[in-house]
Structures are given as structure tokens and as C-alpha cells.
């Protein structure tokens, strides 16, 4: 699943540097991931269970030169990859032969669980993830793109499929993001998004609901809510005003 590679694509949209930086939002994001790093190592060492995931057995552990990297790679293998499949309600071959974009992929490219596809991971914090210690260089067949969802550095109609898991509520402008998705997705392309409804926070500024999601993606034929729940893989919501939803424009893909 992993091997060391020596390149990470760092394409920046034409006005990436000129846009105002939402420092408080990004600081909150990075602090969250710094804390996750510490938890991964404790979990790897058998000191805690994490998101209902028991510590790995000796045979389950990935071992590389760095203890931190070993913990992250093992966490990805055991938890993150299966989480993506469950959260998106898809199987590993869903995007066979496709060019796929994961918006707001975070520091672990969980979408590399999808087999036989060309994967692009878009996130404005790619460099920050590297600085705090996430080993992006280990992942094969992944192109990491530093950029904003509101102004993506891709040609029109570039992707066969676009996905996002618990990230679209982190963007600065939800409607701009939806228009950009329309531009970079092929006319008959596929979309599936796991979307968290909640009150605004510093790291998650979008307060979304069914009406807003429908309106933003009204250009997308067959766009509909597939499911909703107060639970997702390894996590349950305590606030009754929050909800996890799954939106899509397809029920199955015929390659």
C-alpha cells in the first residue's frame, strides 16, 4: 500500500498568494492535527483505543524507520481507509479507470483506498501537514495539490469523479466551491460528499442544511441526499442539532 516517493505536486492557483488567509481557521485546523499525531502514537503503542479502534496487533503494525510515520501509516491502513469506504458508502472499485479529486483531503490521503484510479488530493494546508510531520511522501499514485476549492488549479471538465468527506463545511465560500466543482467536473461526472451539518466554528465556518446544499448544487442532475445519521465510522454526535449527511448524483457506477 505504501512506498517512499520523492515528489509531491504543489500546484497553486493563480491568486492563491493574494487571497486573504483565514489565520484563526487554519491555526485551529493545524492544532487539531498536531493533537491527532500524538494520539496516533499512543494508539500505536497500545496505550489507548482511538475512535473506537483498539490498538493494532503486532502483525497489523506497519514498521518504517520513524516511529511517528509507522503509527500514521498503521492508523491509515486500519482505520482511515475503511472509514472512507463506509462514510461514502462505496466499494474499492467504485472509480476504476477514473480521474478522481478529493476536496479537503487532509494529511492522510484516505481516498487511495480506491483501486485503479488516478487520485488528486486538494488541500490549502499541504505544506503545513508536511511541517508538522505527516509523511505524505510514502503514498503512491497520489498527487497532492496545494490550493483552494474556490479557485482550483485544474482545466475545465478535468475529473470523472469528485468526492469529499467531512471537509466541504471547512471551505471559505460554499457556493463558490460548488461552482468550481461544476467547472472541473466532466458533464456526466460523478459526485459523492459526506457533509457535516453543525453550527459555525473557527475551523468549520459553514453552517449547512439540506436547502443550502440543494441550492448550491442545483446545476447537478440527480443530486440528492442518500442518507443521514448521527453516527459515522468511529464517531457519534452528541449534539442533536448536528447531522452527518451523504449527498450524491449516483447510486451505482457502471464503468
Protein backbone atom coordinates (compact mmCIF):
# COMPACT_ATOMS: atom_id res chain seq x y z
CA UNK A 1 0.00 0.00 0.00
CA UNK A 2 2.86 2.36 0.70
CA UNK A 3 6.33 3.06 -0.63
CA UNK A 4 8.57 6.10 -0.50
CA UNK A 5 8.22 8.53 -3.40
CA UNK A 6 10.21 11.70 -3.88
CA UNK A 7 7.69 14.09 -5.32
CA UNK A 8 4.62 15.95 -4.15
CA UNK A 9 2.77 18.13 -6.64
CA UNK A 10 2.37 21.66 -5.33
CA UNK A 11 0.26 23.49 -7.90
CA UNK A 12 -1.03 26.85 -6.72
CA UNK A 13 -3.97 28.66 -8.28
CA UNK A 14 -3.27 32.00 -9.93
CA UNK A 15 -4.31 34.09 -6.95
CA UNK A 16 -3.51 31.68 -4.12
CA UNK A 17 -0.98 34.01 -2.53
CA UNK A 18 -3.10 37.14 -2.93
CA UNK A 19 -6.17 35.78 -1.14
CA UNK A 20 -6.68 36.73 2.50
CA UNK A 21 -5.57 33.96 4.83
CA UNK A 22 -8.05 32.93 7.49
CA UNK A 23 -5.37 32.52 10.11
CA UNK A 24 -7.63 31.55 13.01
CA UNK A 25 -9.29 28.85 10.96
CA UNK A 26 -6.01 27.38 9.77
CA UNK A 27 -4.44 27.58 13.22
CA UNK A 28 -7.37 25.60 14.62
CA UNK A 29 -7.00 23.01 11.85
CA UNK A 30 -3.27 22.56 12.43
CA UNK A 31 -3.66 22.34 16.21
CA UNK A 32 -6.26 19.62 15.71
CA UNK A 33 -3.88 17.59 13.52
CA UNK A 34 -0.94 18.08 15.88
CA UNK A 35 -3.05 16.56 18.63
CA UNK A 36 -4.09 13.71 16.33
CA UNK A 37 -0.42 12.91 15.71
CA UNK A 38 0.17 12.42 19.43
CA UNK A 39 -2.93 10.24 19.71
CA UNK A 40 -1.85 8.04 16.77
CA UNK A 41 1.44 7.26 18.51
CA UNK A 42 -0.28 6.46 21.81
CA UNK A 43 -2.71 4.20 19.96
CA UNK A 44 0.13 2.52 18.05
CA UNK A 45 1.93 1.84 21.35
CA UNK A 46 -1.16 0.18 22.84
CA UNK A 47 -1.83 2.92 25.39
CA UNK A 48 -5.30 3.94 24.13
CA UNK A 49 -8.15 2.96 21.85
CA UNK A 50 -8.92 5.72 19.36
CA UNK A 51 -12.31 6.45 17.78
CA UNK A 52 -13.44 3.00 18.98
CA UNK A 53 -10.44 1.42 17.24
CA UNK A 54 -8.45 -0.94 19.50
CA UNK A 55 -4.65 -0.70 19.32
CA UNK A 56 -3.03 -2.63 16.47
CA UNK A 57 -1.67 -6.11 16.95
CA UNK A 58 1.98 -6.84 16.20
CA UNK A 59 1.01 -8.34 12.86
CA UNK A 60 -1.13 -5.32 11.94
CA UNK A 61 1.60 -2.76 12.52
CA UNK A 62 3.44 -1.11 9.64
CA UNK A 63 7.06 -0.55 10.62
CA UNK A 64 9.25 2.04 8.89
CA UNK A 65 12.31 3.97 10.08
CA UNK A 66 10.31 6.57 12.05
CA UNK A 67 8.06 5.60 14.98
CA UNK A 68 5.73 8.52 14.16
CA UNK A 69 5.47 7.51 10.50
CA UNK A 70 4.86 3.88 11.50
CA UNK A 71 1.95 4.99 13.69
CA UNK A 72 0.39 7.20 11.00
CA UNK A 73 0.69 4.60 8.26
CA UNK A 74 -0.77 1.91 10.50
CA UNK A 75 -3.67 4.18 11.50
CA UNK A 76 -4.36 4.89 7.84
CA UNK A 77 -4.36 1.20 6.95
CA UNK A 78 -6.54 0.04 9.84
CA UNK A 79 -8.93 2.96 10.33
CA UNK A 80 -8.85 5.71 7.73
CA UNK A 81 -9.15 3.63 4.57
CA UNK A 82 -12.13 1.61 5.78
CA UNK A 83 -13.64 4.80 7.19
CA UNK A 84 -13.66 6.41 3.74
CA UNK A 85 -15.41 3.44 2.18
CA UNK A 86 -18.02 3.38 4.94
CA UNK A 87 -18.58 7.14 5.07
CA UNK A 88 -19.01 7.34 1.29
CA UNK A 89 -20.88 4.02 1.07
CA UNK A 90 -18.71 2.82 -1.81
CA UNK A 91 -16.51 -0.15 -2.60
CA UNK A 92 -12.85 -0.08 -3.56
CA UNK A 93 -13.53 -0.44 -7.28
CA UNK A 94 -16.08 2.38 -7.48
CA UNK A 95 -13.80 4.66 -9.51
CA UNK A 96 -11.90 2.15 -11.63
CA UNK A 97 -10.24 3.93 -14.56
CA UNK A 98 -11.34 7.37 -13.32
CA UNK A 99 -9.54 10.61 -12.62
CA UNK A 100 -10.72 11.44 -9.06
CA UNK A 101 -10.49 14.62 -6.97
CA UNK A 102 -10.74 14.53 -3.16
CA UNK A 103 -11.54 18.04 -1.87
CA UNK A 104 -10.15 18.80 1.58
CA UNK A 105 -8.30 15.50 1.79
CA UNK A 106 -6.39 16.43 4.93
CA UNK A 107 -2.98 14.98 5.88
CA UNK A 108 -3.87 11.34 5.23
CA UNK A 109 -4.89 10.54 1.62
CA UNK A 110 -7.64 8.14 2.61
CA UNK A 111 -9.05 8.02 -0.92
CA UNK A 112 -6.05 5.97 -2.05
CA UNK A 113 -8.14 3.02 -0.85
CA UNK A 114 -9.93 3.28 -4.21
CA UNK A 115 -8.27 0.93 -6.67
CA UNK A 116 -7.14 1.62 -10.23
CA UNK A 117 -7.87 5.33 -10.36
CA UNK A 118 -5.78 8.49 -10.71
CA UNK A 119 -6.15 10.36 -7.42
CA UNK A 120 -5.68 14.09 -6.78
CA UNK A 121 -5.86 15.41 -3.19
CA UNK A 122 -6.63 19.13 -2.86
CA UNK A 123 -5.97 21.00 0.39
CA UNK A 124 -4.67 24.51 1.21
CA UNK A 125 -2.60 23.16 4.12
CA UNK A 126 -0.45 20.58 2.31
CA UNK A 127 2.81 22.34 3.27
CA UNK A 128 1.66 22.71 6.89
CA UNK A 129 0.90 18.98 7.13
CA UNK A 130 4.44 18.26 5.99
CA UNK A 131 5.90 20.73 8.51
CA UNK A 132 4.13 19.14 11.48
CA UNK A 133 5.24 15.67 10.46
CA UNK A 134 2.73 13.92 8.22
CA UNK A 135 4.60 11.60 5.81
CA UNK A 136 2.85 12.37 2.52
CA UNK A 137 5.89 11.12 0.61
CA UNK A 138 5.01 7.49 1.38
CA UNK A 139 1.84 7.35 -0.71
CA UNK A 140 1.99 6.04 -4.24
CA UNK A 141 -0.37 7.08 -7.05
CA UNK A 142 -1.43 10.25 -5.21
CA UNK A 143 -0.97 13.80 -6.48
CA UNK A 144 -1.09 16.33 -3.64
CA UNK A 145 -2.30 19.76 -4.75
CA UNK A 146 -1.98 22.85 -2.58
CA UNK A 147 -4.94 25.05 -3.45
CA UNK A 148 -8.37 26.41 -2.58
CA UNK A 149 -11.64 24.77 -3.52
CA UNK A 150 -12.99 28.19 -4.57
CA UNK A 151 -10.32 28.56 -7.27
CA UNK A 152 -8.98 25.16 -8.26
CA UNK A 153 -5.87 24.89 -10.45
CA UNK A 154 -7.40 22.47 -12.96
CA UNK A 155 -8.67 22.68 -16.51
CA UNK A 156 -12.39 22.67 -17.23
CA UNK A 157 -14.08 19.25 -17.11
CA UNK A 158 -10.91 17.56 -15.85
CA UNK A 159 -12.31 14.98 -13.41
CA UNK A 160 -14.51 11.92 -13.83
CA UNK A 161 -15.45 11.96 -10.15
CA UNK A 162 -15.22 14.32 -7.17
CA UNK A 163 -15.51 13.29 -3.53
CA UNK A 164 -15.24 14.98 -0.15
CA UNK A 165 -15.50 13.60 3.39
CA UNK A 166 -16.29 15.91 6.30
CA UNK A 167 -14.43 18.77 4.61
CA UNK A 168 -16.80 20.81 2.46
CA UNK A 169 -18.01 22.60 5.62
CA UNK A 170 -14.44 23.87 6.12
CA UNK A 171 -14.31 25.95 2.93
CA UNK A 172 -14.40 29.75 2.91
CA UNK A 173 -17.18 30.09 0.32
CA UNK A 174 -19.54 27.14 -0.13
CA UNK A 175 -21.32 28.46 -3.24
CA UNK A 176 -18.06 29.38 -4.98
CA UNK A 177 -16.78 25.91 -4.24
CA UNK A 178 -19.90 24.38 -5.79
CA UNK A 179 -19.43 26.47 -8.96
CA UNK A 180 -15.79 25.42 -9.20
CA UNK A 181 -16.81 21.79 -8.85
CA UNK A 182 -19.23 22.32 -11.74
CA UNK A 183 -16.37 23.71 -13.83
CA UNK A 184 -13.77 20.98 -13.18
CA UNK A 185 -16.17 18.01 -13.22
CA UNK A 186 -16.96 16.35 -16.54
CA UNK A 187 -20.56 16.94 -17.73
CA UNK A 188 -21.54 13.37 -16.92
CA UNK A 189 -19.20 13.13 -13.93
CA UNK A 190 -19.91 11.58 -10.55
CA UNK A 191 -20.03 13.27 -7.14
CA UNK A 192 -20.33 11.96 -3.62
CA UNK A 193 -19.90 14.05 -0.46
CA UNK A 194 -20.10 13.24 3.22
CA UNK A 195 -21.26 16.54 4.75
CA UNK A 196 -21.42 17.50 8.42
CA UNK A 197 -24.23 19.88 9.45
CA UNK A 198 -23.36 21.93 12.54
CA UNK A 199 -23.17 25.43 13.98
CA UNK A 200 -20.27 27.59 12.80
CA UNK A 201 -16.88 27.06 14.41
CA UNK A 202 -13.47 28.67 13.85
CA UNK A 203 -12.26 25.71 11.78
CA UNK A 204 -15.63 24.87 10.21
CA UNK A 205 -17.26 28.16 9.16
CA UNK A 206 -20.09 26.75 7.02
CA UNK A 207 -23.46 26.24 8.70
CA UNK A 208 -25.14 23.97 6.16
CA UNK A 209 -28.53 22.31 5.78
CA UNK A 210 -30.49 20.46 3.09
CA UNK A 211 -31.79 23.64 1.44
CA UNK A 212 -28.33 25.22 1.14
CA UNK A 213 -26.76 22.05 -0.27
CA UNK A 214 -29.59 21.64 -2.79
CA UNK A 215 -29.34 25.26 -3.90
CA UNK A 216 -25.53 25.23 -4.28
CA UNK A 217 -25.59 22.11 -6.44
CA UNK A 218 -28.83 22.73 -8.33
CA UNK A 219 -26.82 22.55 -11.56
CA UNK A 220 -26.11 18.86 -10.89
CA UNK A 221 -28.60 16.44 -12.38
CA UNK A 222 -29.79 13.71 -10.00
CA UNK A 223 -28.20 15.43 -6.97
CA UNK A 224 -29.88 14.02 -3.88
CA UNK A 225 -29.34 13.09 -0.25
CA UNK A 226 -28.57 9.40 0.01
CA UNK A 227 -28.61 9.11 3.80
CA UNK A 228 -28.33 10.93 7.10
CA UNK A 229 -27.18 9.81 10.53
CA UNK A 230 -25.88 10.96 13.91
CA UNK A 231 -23.06 8.41 13.56
CA UNK A 232 -20.14 7.76 11.27
CA UNK A 233 -17.24 5.33 11.32
CA UNK A 234 -15.79 5.50 14.85
CA UNK A 235 -17.72 8.57 15.99
CA UNK A 236 -21.19 9.58 17.24
CA UNK A 237 -22.64 13.07 17.53
CA UNK A 238 -23.84 14.19 20.94
CA UNK A 239 -25.45 17.42 19.77
CA UNK A 240 -28.97 16.85 18.44
CA UNK A 241 -28.60 19.92 16.20
CA UNK A 242 -25.80 18.24 14.24
CA UNK A 243 -26.08 15.65 11.50
CA UNK A 244 -23.91 13.64 9.11
CA UNK A 245 -25.34 13.50 5.59
CA UNK A 246 -24.31 11.77 2.39
CA UNK A 247 -25.06 13.51 -0.92
CA UNK A 248 -24.55 12.14 -4.41
CA UNK A 249 -25.67 12.24 -8.03
CA UNK A 250 -25.48 8.46 -8.48
CA UNK A 251 -26.42 5.26 -6.70
CA UNK A 252 -24.05 3.00 -8.62
CA UNK A 253 -21.40 3.44 -11.30
CA UNK A 254 -21.21 1.29 -14.39
CA UNK A 255 -17.70 1.50 -15.77
